[in-house]
Full PDB file with SEQRES, HELIX, SHEET, SSBOND, CRYST1, ORIGX, SCALE, CONECT and MASTER records, all heavy atoms in Angstrom:
SEQRES   1 A   36  LEU ARG ALA GLU LEU ALA TRP ARG ARG ARG ALA GLU SER          
SEQRES   2 A   36  THR HIS THR GLY ARG TYR VAL ALA GLY ARG THR ALA ALA          
SEQRES   3 A   36  TRP SER ILE LEU ILE GLY ALA ILE PHE LEU                      
HELIX    1 AA1 ARG A    2  PHE A   35  1                                  34    
CRYST1    1.000    1.000    1.000  90.00  90.00  90.00 P 1           1          
ORIGX1      1.000000  0.000000  0.000000        0.00000                         
ORIGX2      0.000000  1.000000  0.000000        0.00000                         
ORIGX3      0.000000  0.000000  1.000000        0.00000                         
SCALE1      1.000000  0.000000  0.000000        0.00000                         
SCALE2      0.000000  1.000000  0.000000        0.00000                         
SCALE3      0.000000  0.000000  1.000000        0.00000                         
ATOM      1  N   LEU A   1       0.826  -1.189   0.002  1.00  0.00           N  
ATOM      2  CA  LEU A   1      -0.028  -0.003   0.020  1.00  0.00           C  
ATOM      3  C   LEU A   1       0.859   1.254   0.003  1.00  0.00           C  
ATOM      4  O   LEU A   1       0.539   2.249  -0.665  1.00  0.00           O  
ATOM      5  CB  LEU A   1      -0.938  -0.007   1.197  1.00  0.00           C  
ATOM      6  CG  LEU A   1      -2.077  -1.041   1.143  1.00  0.00           C  
ATOM      7  CD1 LEU A   1      -2.829  -1.071   2.467  1.00  0.00           C  
ATOM      8  CD2 LEU A   1      -3.032  -0.740   0.006  1.00  0.00           C  
ATOM      9  N   ARG A   2       1.941   1.231   0.779  1.00  0.00           N  
ATOM     10  CA  ARG A   2       2.842   2.409   0.771  1.00  0.00           C  
ATOM     11  C   ARG A   2       3.449   2.604  -0.612  1.00  0.00           C  
ATOM     12  O   ARG A   2       3.587   3.764  -1.083  1.00  0.00           O  
ATOM     13  CB  ARG A   2       3.944   2.237   1.821  1.00  0.00           C  
ATOM     14  CG  ARG A   2       3.507   2.383   3.191  1.00  0.00           C  
ATOM     15  CD  ARG A   2       4.644   2.097   4.174  1.00  0.00           C  
ATOM     16  NE  ARG A   2       4.149   1.975   5.533  1.00  0.00           N  
ATOM     17  CZ  ARG A   2       4.105   2.956   6.391  1.00  0.00           C  
ATOM     18  NH1 ARG A   2       4.459   4.168   6.024  1.00  0.00           N  
ATOM     19  NH2 ARG A   2       3.609   2.739   7.611  1.00  0.00           N  
ATOM     20  N   ALA A   3       3.865   1.519  -1.288  1.00  0.00           N  
ATOM     21  CA  ALA A   3       4.445   1.650  -2.627  1.00  0.00           C  
ATOM     22  C   ALA A   3       3.413   2.182  -3.618  1.00  0.00           C  
ATOM     23  O   ALA A   3       3.713   3.038  -4.466  1.00  0.00           O  
ATOM     24  CB  ALA A   3       4.987   0.305  -3.098  1.00  0.00           C  
ATOM     25  N   GLU A   4       2.183   1.697  -3.506  1.00  0.00           N  
ATOM     26  CA  GLU A   4       1.122   2.173  -4.405  1.00  0.00           C  
ATOM     27  C   GLU A   4       0.831   3.659  -4.159  1.00  0.00           C  
ATOM     28  O   GLU A   4       0.670   4.420  -5.095  1.00  0.00           O  
ATOM     29  CB  GLU A   4      -0.156   1.367  -4.193  1.00  0.00           C  
ATOM     30  CG  GLU A   4      -1.281   1.754  -5.092  1.00  0.00           C  
ATOM     31  CD  GLU A   4      -2.522   0.897  -4.881  1.00  0.00           C  
ATOM     32  OE1 GLU A   4      -2.406  -0.190  -4.333  1.00  0.00           O  
ATOM     33  OE2 GLU A   4      -3.597   1.387  -5.238  1.00  0.00           O  
ATOM     34  N   LEU A   5       0.791   4.049  -2.900  1.00  0.00           N  
ATOM     35  CA  LEU A   5       0.564   5.449  -2.583  1.00  0.00           C  
ATOM     36  C   LEU A   5       1.702   6.332  -3.114  1.00  0.00           C  
ATOM     37  O   LEU A   5       1.453   7.432  -3.640  1.00  0.00           O  
ATOM     38  CB  LEU A   5       0.395   5.594  -1.042  1.00  0.00           C  
ATOM     39  CG  LEU A   5       0.043   6.988  -0.559  1.00  0.00           C  
ATOM     40  CD1 LEU A   5      -1.289   7.430  -1.116  1.00  0.00           C  
ATOM     41  CD2 LEU A   5       0.007   7.026   0.939  1.00  0.00           C  
ATOM     42  N   ALA A   6       2.925   5.901  -2.940  1.00  0.00           N  
ATOM     43  CA  ALA A   6       4.061   6.650  -3.420  1.00  0.00           C  
ATOM     44  C   ALA A   6       3.977   6.781  -4.972  1.00  0.00           C  
ATOM     45  O   ALA A   6       4.257   7.860  -5.520  1.00  0.00           O  
ATOM     46  CB  ALA A   6       5.375   5.974  -3.021  1.00  0.00           C  
ATOM     47  N   TRP A   7       3.600   5.705  -5.638  1.00  0.00           N  
ATOM     48  CA  TRP A   7       3.477   5.754  -7.108  1.00  0.00           C  
ATOM     49  C   TRP A   7       2.373   6.731  -7.517  1.00  0.00           C  
ATOM     50  O   TRP A   7       2.549   7.496  -8.437  1.00  0.00           O  
ATOM     51  CB  TRP A   7       3.141   4.352  -7.658  1.00  0.00           C  
ATOM     52  CG  TRP A   7       2.916   4.374  -9.094  1.00  0.00           C  
ATOM     53  CD1 TRP A   7       3.862   4.326 -10.109  1.00  0.00           C  
ATOM     54  CD2 TRP A   7       1.660   4.455  -9.787  1.00  0.00           C  
ATOM     55  NE1 TRP A   7       3.293   4.386 -11.303  1.00  0.00           N  
ATOM     56  CE2 TRP A   7       1.931   4.488 -11.186  1.00  0.00           C  
ATOM     57  CE3 TRP A   7       0.338   4.533  -9.357  1.00  0.00           C  
ATOM     58  CZ2 TRP A   7       0.928   4.537 -12.106  1.00  0.00           C  
ATOM     59  CZ3 TRP A   7      -0.636   4.592 -10.322  1.00  0.00           C  
ATOM     60  CH2 TRP A   7      -0.362   4.603 -11.683  1.00  0.00           C  
ATOM     61  N   ARG A   8       1.266   6.710  -6.808  1.00  0.00           N  
ATOM     62  CA  ARG A   8       0.156   7.636  -7.146  1.00  0.00           C  
ATOM     63  C   ARG A   8       0.596   9.081  -6.927  1.00  0.00           C  
ATOM     64  O   ARG A   8       0.226   9.974  -7.727  1.00  0.00           O  
ATOM     65  CB  ARG A   8      -1.090   7.340  -6.283  1.00  0.00           C  
ATOM     66  CG  ARG A   8      -1.778   6.130  -6.736  1.00  0.00           C  
ATOM     67  CD  ARG A   8      -3.011   5.874  -5.872  1.00  0.00           C  
ATOM     68  NE  ARG A   8      -3.608   4.592  -6.193  1.00  0.00           N  
ATOM     69  CZ  ARG A   8      -4.790   4.432  -6.736  1.00  0.00           C  
ATOM     70  NH1 ARG A   8      -5.495   5.504  -7.035  1.00  0.00           N  
ATOM     71  NH2 ARG A   8      -5.250   3.258  -7.037  1.00  0.00           N  
ATOM     72  N   ARG A   9       1.352   9.337  -5.907  1.00  0.00           N  
ATOM     73  CA  ARG A   9       1.835  10.724  -5.684  1.00  0.00           C  
ATOM     74  C   ARG A   9       2.765  11.159  -6.770  1.00  0.00           C  
ATOM     75  O   ARG A   9       2.742  12.328  -7.177  1.00  0.00           O  
ATOM     76  CB  ARG A   9       2.514  10.820  -4.306  1.00  0.00           C  
ATOM     77  CG  ARG A   9       1.518  10.815  -3.187  1.00  0.00           C  
ATOM     78  CD  ARG A   9       2.205  11.044  -1.878  1.00  0.00           C  
ATOM     79  NE  ARG A   9       1.229  11.035  -0.777  1.00  0.00           N  
ATOM     80  CZ  ARG A   9       1.479  10.698   0.430  1.00  0.00           C  
ATOM     81  NH1 ARG A   9       2.711  10.352   0.782  1.00  0.00           N  
ATOM     82  NH2 ARG A   9       0.562  10.708   1.375  1.00  0.00           N  
ATOM     83  N   ARG A  10       3.643  10.255  -7.218  1.00  0.00           N  
ATOM     84  CA  ARG A  10       4.561  10.589  -8.319  1.00  0.00           C  
ATOM     85  C   ARG A  10       3.838  10.785  -9.601  1.00  0.00           C  
ATOM     86  O   ARG A  10       4.185  11.665 -10.410  1.00  0.00           O  
ATOM     87  CB  ARG A  10       5.624   9.476  -8.492  1.00  0.00           C  
ATOM     88  CG  ARG A  10       6.698   9.483  -7.443  1.00  0.00           C  
ATOM     89  CD  ARG A  10       7.818   8.557  -7.859  1.00  0.00           C  
ATOM     90  NE  ARG A  10       7.367   7.229  -8.304  1.00  0.00           N  
ATOM     91  CZ  ARG A  10       7.226   6.147  -7.538  1.00  0.00           C  
ATOM     92  NH1 ARG A  10       7.459   6.238  -6.269  1.00  0.00           N  
ATOM     93  NH2 ARG A  10       6.826   5.003  -8.027  1.00  0.00           N  
ATOM     94  N   ALA A  11       2.825   9.996  -9.876  1.00  0.00           N  
ATOM     95  CA  ALA A  11       2.128  10.024 -11.196  1.00  0.00           C  
ATOM     96  C   ALA A  11       0.901  10.934 -11.194  1.00  0.00           C  
ATOM     97  O   ALA A  11       0.213  11.030 -12.198  1.00  0.00           O  
ATOM     98  CB  ALA A  11       1.715   8.591 -11.574  1.00  0.00           C  
ATOM     99  N   GLU A  12       0.642  11.599 -10.086  1.00  0.00           N  
ATOM    100  CA  GLU A  12      -0.590  12.430 -10.008  1.00  0.00           C  
ATOM    101  C   GLU A  12      -0.648  13.495 -11.048  1.00  0.00           C  
ATOM    102  O   GLU A  12      -1.685  13.646 -11.736  1.00  0.00           O  
ATOM    103  CB  GLU A  12      -0.661  13.069  -8.604  1.00  0.00           C  
ATOM    104  CG  GLU A  12      -1.927  13.825  -8.379  1.00  0.00           C  
ATOM    105  CD  GLU A  12      -1.992  14.337  -6.926  1.00  0.00           C  
ATOM    106  OE1 GLU A  12      -0.964  14.328  -6.244  1.00  0.00           O  
ATOM    107  OE2 GLU A  12      -3.068  14.738  -6.543  1.00  0.00           O  
ATOM    108  N   SER A  13       0.412  14.207 -11.271  1.00  0.00           N  
ATOM    109  CA  SER A  13       0.394  15.280 -12.263  1.00  0.00           C  
ATOM    110  C   SER A  13       0.245  14.719 -13.658  1.00  0.00           C  
ATOM    111  O   SER A  13      -0.425  15.335 -14.501  1.00  0.00           O  
ATOM    112  CB  SER A  13       1.648  16.118 -12.142  1.00  0.00           C  
ATOM    113  OG  SER A  13       2.770  15.331 -12.450  1.00  0.00           O  
ATOM    114  N   THR A  14       0.828  13.566 -13.929  1.00  0.00           N  
ATOM    115  CA  THR A  14       0.692  12.943 -15.222  1.00  0.00           C  
ATOM    116  C   THR A  14      -0.775  12.571 -15.487  1.00  0.00           C  
ATOM    117  O   THR A  14      -1.301  12.797 -16.555  1.00  0.00           O  
ATOM    118  CB  THR A  14       1.590  11.708 -15.337  1.00  0.00           C  
ATOM    119  OG1 THR A  14       2.896  12.081 -15.057  1.00  0.00           O  
ATOM    120  CG2 THR A  14       1.515  11.107 -16.714  1.00  0.00           C  
ATOM    121  N   HIS A  15      -1.429  11.944 -14.510  1.00  0.00           N  
ATOM    122  CA  HIS A  15      -2.783  11.579 -14.682  1.00  0.00           C  
ATOM    123  C   HIS A  15      -3.715  12.774 -14.881  1.00  0.00           C  
ATOM    124  O   HIS A  15      -4.580  12.764 -15.701  1.00  0.00           O  
ATOM    125  CB  HIS A  15      -3.275  10.736 -13.486  1.00  0.00           C  
ATOM    126  CG  HIS A  15      -2.693   9.366 -13.447  1.00  0.00           C  
ATOM    127  ND1 HIS A  15      -3.030   8.412 -14.378  1.00  0.00           N  
ATOM    128  CD2 HIS A  15      -1.812   8.787 -12.640  1.00  0.00           C  
ATOM    129  CE1 HIS A  15      -2.351   7.274 -14.106  1.00  0.00           C  
ATOM    130  NE2 HIS A  15      -1.624   7.498 -13.044  1.00  0.00           N  
ATOM    131  N   THR A  16      -3.479  13.839 -14.091  1.00  0.00           N  
ATOM    132  CA  THR A  16      -4.254  15.055 -14.239  1.00  0.00           C  
ATOM    133  C   THR A  16      -4.043  15.658 -15.606  1.00  0.00           C  
ATOM    134  O   THR A  16      -5.020  16.050 -16.273  1.00  0.00           O  
ATOM    135  CB  THR A  16      -3.891  16.058 -13.150  1.00  0.00           C  
ATOM    136  OG1 THR A  16      -4.052  15.415 -11.883  1.00  0.00           O  
ATOM    137  CG2 THR A  16      -4.752  17.298 -13.234  1.00  0.00           C  
ATOM    138  N   GLY A  17      -2.837  15.667 -16.097  1.00  0.00           N  
ATOM    139  CA  GLY A  17      -2.533  16.185 -17.429  1.00  0.00           C  
ATOM    140  C   GLY A  17      -3.201  15.394 -18.525  1.00  0.00           C  
ATOM    141  O   GLY A  17      -3.758  15.952 -19.469  1.00  0.00           O  
ATOM    142  N   ARG A  18      -3.164  14.063 -18.409  1.00  0.00           N  
ATOM    143  CA  ARG A  18      -3.836  13.246 -19.398  1.00  0.00           C  
ATOM    144  C   ARG A  18      -5.364  13.470 -19.387  1.00  0.00           C  
ATOM    145  O   ARG A  18      -6.001  13.471 -20.422  1.00  0.00           O  
ATOM    146  CB  ARG A  18      -3.547  11.772 -19.135  1.00  0.00           C  
ATOM    147  CG  ARG A  18      -2.158  11.361 -19.505  1.00  0.00           C  
ATOM    148  CD  ARG A  18      -1.998   9.887 -19.287  1.00  0.00           C  
ATOM    149  NE  ARG A  18      -0.591   9.518 -19.224  1.00  0.00           N  
ATOM    150  CZ  ARG A  18      -0.122   8.464 -18.620  1.00  0.00           C  
ATOM    151  NH1 ARG A  18      -0.919   7.637 -18.015  1.00  0.00           N  
ATOM    152  NH2 ARG A  18       1.177   8.202 -18.625  1.00  0.00           N  
ATOM    153  N   TYR A  19      -5.933  13.596 -18.194  1.00  0.00           N  
ATOM    154  CA  TYR A  19      -7.344  13.817 -18.078  1.00  0.00           C  
ATOM    155  C   TYR A  19      -7.722  15.141 -18.766  1.00  0.00           C  
ATOM    156  O   TYR A  19      -8.697  15.147 -19.549  1.00  0.00           O  
ATOM    157  CB  TYR A  19      -7.756  13.854 -16.593  1.00  0.00           C  
ATOM    158  CG  TYR A  19      -9.188  14.164 -16.357  1.00  0.00           C  
ATOM    159  CD1 TYR A  19     -10.155  13.200 -16.467  1.00  0.00           C  
ATOM    160  CD2 TYR A  19      -9.588  15.450 -16.020  1.00  0.00           C  
ATOM    161  CE1 TYR A  19     -11.509  13.461 -16.241  1.00  0.00           C  
ATOM    162  CE2 TYR A  19     -10.917  15.753 -15.820  1.00  0.00           C  
ATOM    163  CZ  TYR A  19     -11.878  14.750 -15.937  1.00  0.00           C  
ATOM    164  OH  TYR A  19     -13.194  15.044 -15.723  1.00  0.00           O  
ATOM    165  N   VAL A  20      -7.015  16.189 -18.472  1.00  0.00           N  
ATOM    166  CA  VAL A  20      -7.330  17.495 -19.069  1.00  0.00           C  
ATOM    167  C   VAL A  20      -7.130  17.432 -20.576  1.00  0.00           C  
ATOM    168  O   VAL A  20      -7.948  17.937 -21.329  1.00  0.00           O  
ATOM    169  CB  VAL A  20      -6.468  18.619 -18.410  1.00  0.00           C  
ATOM    170  CG1 VAL A  20      -6.599  19.915 -19.164  1.00  0.00           C  
ATOM    171  CG2 VAL A  20      -6.853  18.807 -16.958  1.00  0.00           C  
ATOM    172  N   ALA A  21      -6.049  16.826 -21.028  1.00  0.00           N  
ATOM    173  CA  ALA A  21      -5.795  16.732 -22.440  1.00  0.00           C  
ATOM    174  C   ALA A  21      -6.886  15.905 -23.146  1.00  0.00           C  
ATOM    175  O   ALA A  21      -7.329  16.273 -24.231  1.00  0.00           O  
ATOM    176  CB  ALA A  21      -4.406  16.075 -22.702  1.00  0.00           C  
ATOM    177  N   GLY A  22      -7.285  14.841 -22.541  1.00  0.00           N  
ATOM    178  CA  GLY A  22      -8.354  13.998 -23.102  1.00  0.00           C  
ATOM    179  C   GLY A  22      -9.668  14.764 -23.227  1.00  0.00           C  
ATOM    180  O   GLY A  22     -10.340  14.673 -24.242  1.00  0.00           O  
ATOM    181  N   ARG A  23     -10.043  15.453 -22.173  1.00  0.00           N  
ATOM    182  CA  ARG A  23     -11.287  16.201 -22.187  1.00  0.00           C  
ATOM    183  C   ARG A  23     -11.189  17.364 -23.219  1.00  0.00           C  
ATOM    184  O   ARG A  23     -12.149  17.603 -23.919  1.00  0.00           O  
ATOM    185  CB  ARG A  23     -11.574  16.804 -20.822  1.00  0.00           C  
ATOM    186  CG  ARG A  23     -11.872  15.772 -19.765  1.00  0.00           C  
ATOM    187  CD  ARG A  23     -13.193  15.081 -20.080  1.00  0.00           C  
ATOM    188  NE  ARG A  23     -13.440  14.066 -19.051  1.00  0.00           N  
ATOM    189  CZ  ARG A  23     -14.246  13.073 -19.215  1.00  0.00           C  
ATOM    190  NH1 ARG A  23     -14.923  12.954 -20.322  1.00  0.00           N  
ATOM    191  NH2 ARG A  23     -14.397  12.215 -18.281  1.00  0.00           N  
ATOM    192  N   THR A  24     -10.068  18.010 -23.265  1.00  0.00           N  
ATOM    193  CA  THR A  24      -9.894  19.091 -24.249  1.00  0.00           C  
ATOM    194  C   THR A  24     -10.015  18.555 -25.655  1.00  0.00           C  
ATOM    195  O   THR A  24     -10.693  19.169 -26.538  1.00  0.00           O  
ATOM    196  CB  THR A  24      -8.520  19.761 -24.037  1.00  0.00           C  
ATOM    197  OG1 THR A  24      -8.438  20.217 -22.708  1.00  0.00           O  
ATOM    198  CG2 THR A  24      -8.331  20.906 -25.008  1.00  0.00           C  
ATOM    199  N   ALA A  25      -9.420  17.439 -25.961  1.00  0.00           N  
ATOM    200  CA  ALA A  25      -9.491  16.839 -27.296  1.00  0.00           C  
ATOM    201  C   ALA A  25     -10.924  16.455 -27.620  1.00  0.00           C  
ATOM    202  O   ALA A  25     -11.412  16.712 -28.709  1.00  0.00           O  
ATOM    203  CB  ALA A  25      -8.578  15.619 -27.392  1.00  0.00           C  
ATOM    204  N   ALA A  26     -11.617  15.844 -26.680  1.00  0.00           N  
ATOM    205  CA  ALA A  26     -12.991  15.437 -26.924  1.00  0.00           C  
ATOM    206  C   ALA A  26     -13.902  16.627 -27.219  1.00  0.00           C  
ATOM    207  O   ALA A  26     -14.697  16.587 -28.173  1.00  0.00           O  
ATOM    208  CB  ALA A  26     -13.547  14.619 -25.722  1.00  0.00           C  
ATOM    209  N   TRP A  27     -13.804  17.660 -26.432  1.00  0.00           N  
ATOM    210  CA  TRP A  27     -14.615  18.848 -26.644  1.00  0.00           C  
ATOM    211  C   TRP A  27     -14.235  19.561 -27.942  1.00  0.00           C  
ATOM    212  O   TRP A  27     -15.090  20.067 -28.622  1.00  0.00           O  
ATOM    213  CB  TRP A  27     -14.498  19.793 -25.447  1.00  0.00           C  
ATOM    214  CG  TRP A  27     -15.372  19.400 -24.326  1.00  0.00           C  
ATOM    215  CD1 TRP A  27     -15.003  18.839 -23.138  1.00  0.00           C  
ATOM    216  CD2 TRP A  27     -16.816  19.492 -24.278  1.00  0.00           C  
ATOM    217  NE1 TRP A  27     -16.113  18.544 -22.364  1.00  0.00           N  
ATOM    218  CE2 TRP A  27     -17.223  18.960 -23.012  1.00  0.00           C  
ATOM    219  CE3 TRP A  27     -17.765  19.932 -25.153  1.00  0.00           C  
ATOM    220  CZ2 TRP A  27     -18.563  18.876 -22.642  1.00  0.00           C  
ATOM    221  CZ3 TRP A  27     -19.108  19.857 -24.776  1.00  0.00           C  
ATOM    222  CH2 TRP A  27     -19.471  19.348 -23.517  1.00  0.00           C  
ATOM    223  N   SER A  28     -12.948  19.557 -28.296  1.00  0.00           N  
ATOM    224  CA  SER A  28     -12.506  20.183 -29.525  1.00  0.00           C  
ATOM    225  C   SER A  28     -13.129  19.463 -30.735  1.00  0.00           C  
ATOM    226  O   SER A  28     -13.557  20.086 -31.701  1.00  0.00           O  
ATOM    227  CB  SER A  28     -10.979  20.187 -29.632  1.00  0.00           C  
ATOM    228  OG  SER A  28     -10.442  20.922 -28.591  1.00  0.00           O  
ATOM    229  N   ILE A  29     -13.106  18.153 -30.681  1.00  0.00           N  
ATOM    230  CA  ILE A  29     -13.663  17.361 -31.794  1.00  0.00           C  
ATOM    231  C   ILE A  29     -15.204  17.638 -31.904  1.00  0.00           C  
ATOM    232  O   ILE A  29     -15.724  17.826 -32.984  1.00  0.00           O  
ATOM    233  CB  ILE A  29     -13.378  15.863 -31.580  1.00  0.00           C  
ATOM    234  CG1 ILE A  29     -11.896  15.615 -31.799  1.00  0.00           C  
ATOM    235  CG2 ILE A  29     -14.212  15.016 -32.534  1.00  0.00           C  
ATOM    236  CD1 ILE A  29     -11.454  14.242 -31.351  1.00  0.00           C  
ATOM    237  N   LEU A  30     -15.877  17.636 -30.751  1.00  0.00           N  
ATOM    238  CA  LEU A  30     -17.332  17.889 -30.770  1.00  0.00           C  
ATOM    239  C   LEU A  30     -17.656  19.291 -31.310  1.00  0.00           C  
ATOM    240  O   LEU A  30     -18.530  19.451 -32.166  1.00  0.00           O  
ATOM    241  CB  LEU A  30     -17.896  17.734 -29.353  1.00  0.00           C  
ATOM    242  CG  LEU A  30     -19.402  17.959 -29.192  1.00  0.00           C  
ATOM    243  CD1 LEU A  30     -20.166  16.889 -29.964  1.00  0.00           C  
ATOM    244  CD2 LEU A  30     -19.772  17.958 -27.742  1.00  0.00           C  
ATOM    245  N   ILE A  31     -16.936  20.292 -30.863  1.00  0.00           N  
ATOM    246  CA  ILE A  31     -17.154  21.660 -31.327  1.00  0.00           C  
ATOM    247  C   ILE A  31     -16.850  21.768 -32.819  1.00  0.00           C  
ATOM    248  O   ILE A  31     -17.557  22.420 -33.588  1.00  0.00           O  
ATOM    249  CB  ILE A  31     -16.360  22.666 -30.488  1.00  0.00           C  
ATOM    250  CG1 ILE A  31     -16.982  22.731 -29.068  1.00  0.00           C  
ATOM    251  CG2 ILE A  31     -16.336  24.011 -31.128  1.00  0.00           C  
ATOM    252  CD1 ILE A  31     -16.133  23.479 -28.044  1.00  0.00           C  
ATOM    253  N   GLY A  32     -15.759  21.127 -33.236  1.00  0.00           N  
ATOM    254  CA  GLY A  32     -15.415  21.133 -34.655  1.00  0.00           C  
ATOM    255  C   GLY A  32     -16.459  20.459 -35.538  1.00  0.00           C  
ATOM    256  O   GLY A  32     -16.811  20.971 -36.599  1.00  0.00           O  
ATOM    257  N   ALA A  33     -17.008  19.362 -35.047  1.00  0.00           N  
ATOM    258  CA  ALA A  33     -18.113  18.677 -35.801  1.00  0.00           C  
ATOM    259  C   ALA A  33     -19.326  19.568 -35.914  1.00  0.00           C  
ATOM    260  O   ALA A  33     -19.952  19.630 -36.983  1.00  0.00           O  
ATOM    261  CB  ALA A  33     -18.422  17.341 -35.164  1.00  0.00           C  
ATOM    262  N   ILE A  34     -19.680  20.219 -34.832  1.00  0.00           N  
ATOM    263  CA  ILE A  34     -20.844  21.118 -34.865  1.00  0.00           C  
ATOM    264  C   ILE A  34     -20.583  22.295 -35.811  1.00  0.00           C  
ATOM    265  O   ILE A  34     -21.474  22.684 -36.626  1.00  0.00           O  
ATOM    266  CB  ILE A  34     -21.203  21.643 -33.426  1.00  0.00           C  
ATOM    267  CG1 ILE A  34     -21.708  20.476 -32.594  1.00  0.00           C  
ATOM    268  CG2 ILE A  34     -22.168  22.783 -33.491  1.00  0.00           C  
ATOM    269  CD1 ILE A  34     -21.858  20.795 -31.113  1.00  0.00           C  
ATOM    270  N   PHE A  35     -19.411  22.838 -35.752  1.00  0.00           N  
ATOM    271  CA  PHE A  35     -19.063  23.945 -36.626  1.00  0.00           C  
ATOM    272  C   PHE A  35     -19.100  23.533 -38.121  1.00  0.00           C  
ATOM    273  O   PHE A  35     -19.687  24.199 -38.955  1.00  0.00           O  
ATOM    274  CB  PHE A  35     -17.639  24.462 -36.312  1.00  0.00           C  
ATOM    275  CG  PHE A  35     -17.170  25.504 -37.250  1.00  0.00           C  
ATOM    276  CD1 PHE A  35     -17.650  26.788 -37.163  1.00  0.00           C  
ATOM    277  CD2 PHE A  35     -16.237  25.224 -38.224  1.00  0.00           C  
ATOM    278  CE1 PHE A  35     -17.211  27.792 -38.045  1.00  0.00           C  
ATOM    279  CE2 PHE A  35     -15.802  26.183 -39.128  1.00  0.00           C  
ATOM    280  CZ  PHE A  35     -16.300  27.483 -39.022  1.00  0.00           C  
ATOM    281  N   LEU A  36     -18.532  22.335 -38.428  1.00  0.00           N  
ATOM    282  CA  LEU A  36     -18.541  21.851 -39.812  1.00  0.00           C  
ATOM    283  C   LEU A  36     -19.987  21.568 -40.282  1.00  0.00           C  
ATOM    284  O   LEU A  36     -20.320  21.876 -41.431  1.00  0.00           O  
ATOM    285  CB  LEU A  36     -17.679  20.618 -39.919  1.00  0.00           C  
ATOM    286  CG  LEU A  36     -16.198  20.866 -39.885  1.00  0.00           C  
ATOM    287  CD1 LEU A  36     -15.391  19.564 -39.911  1.00  0.00           C  
ATOM    288  CD2 LEU A  36     -15.741  21.756 -41.030  1.00  0.00           C  
TER     289      LEU A  36                                                      
MASTER        0    0    0    1    0    0    0    6  288    1    0    3          
END                                                                             
């Protein structure tokens, strides 16, 4: 559990970045489709 917690703390910013990038890409595609 300590190792898992340490890994989550190290990878937290990466996961947050991936989440934001994924949501941004999804919304960009949706807005682009509506625009087109």
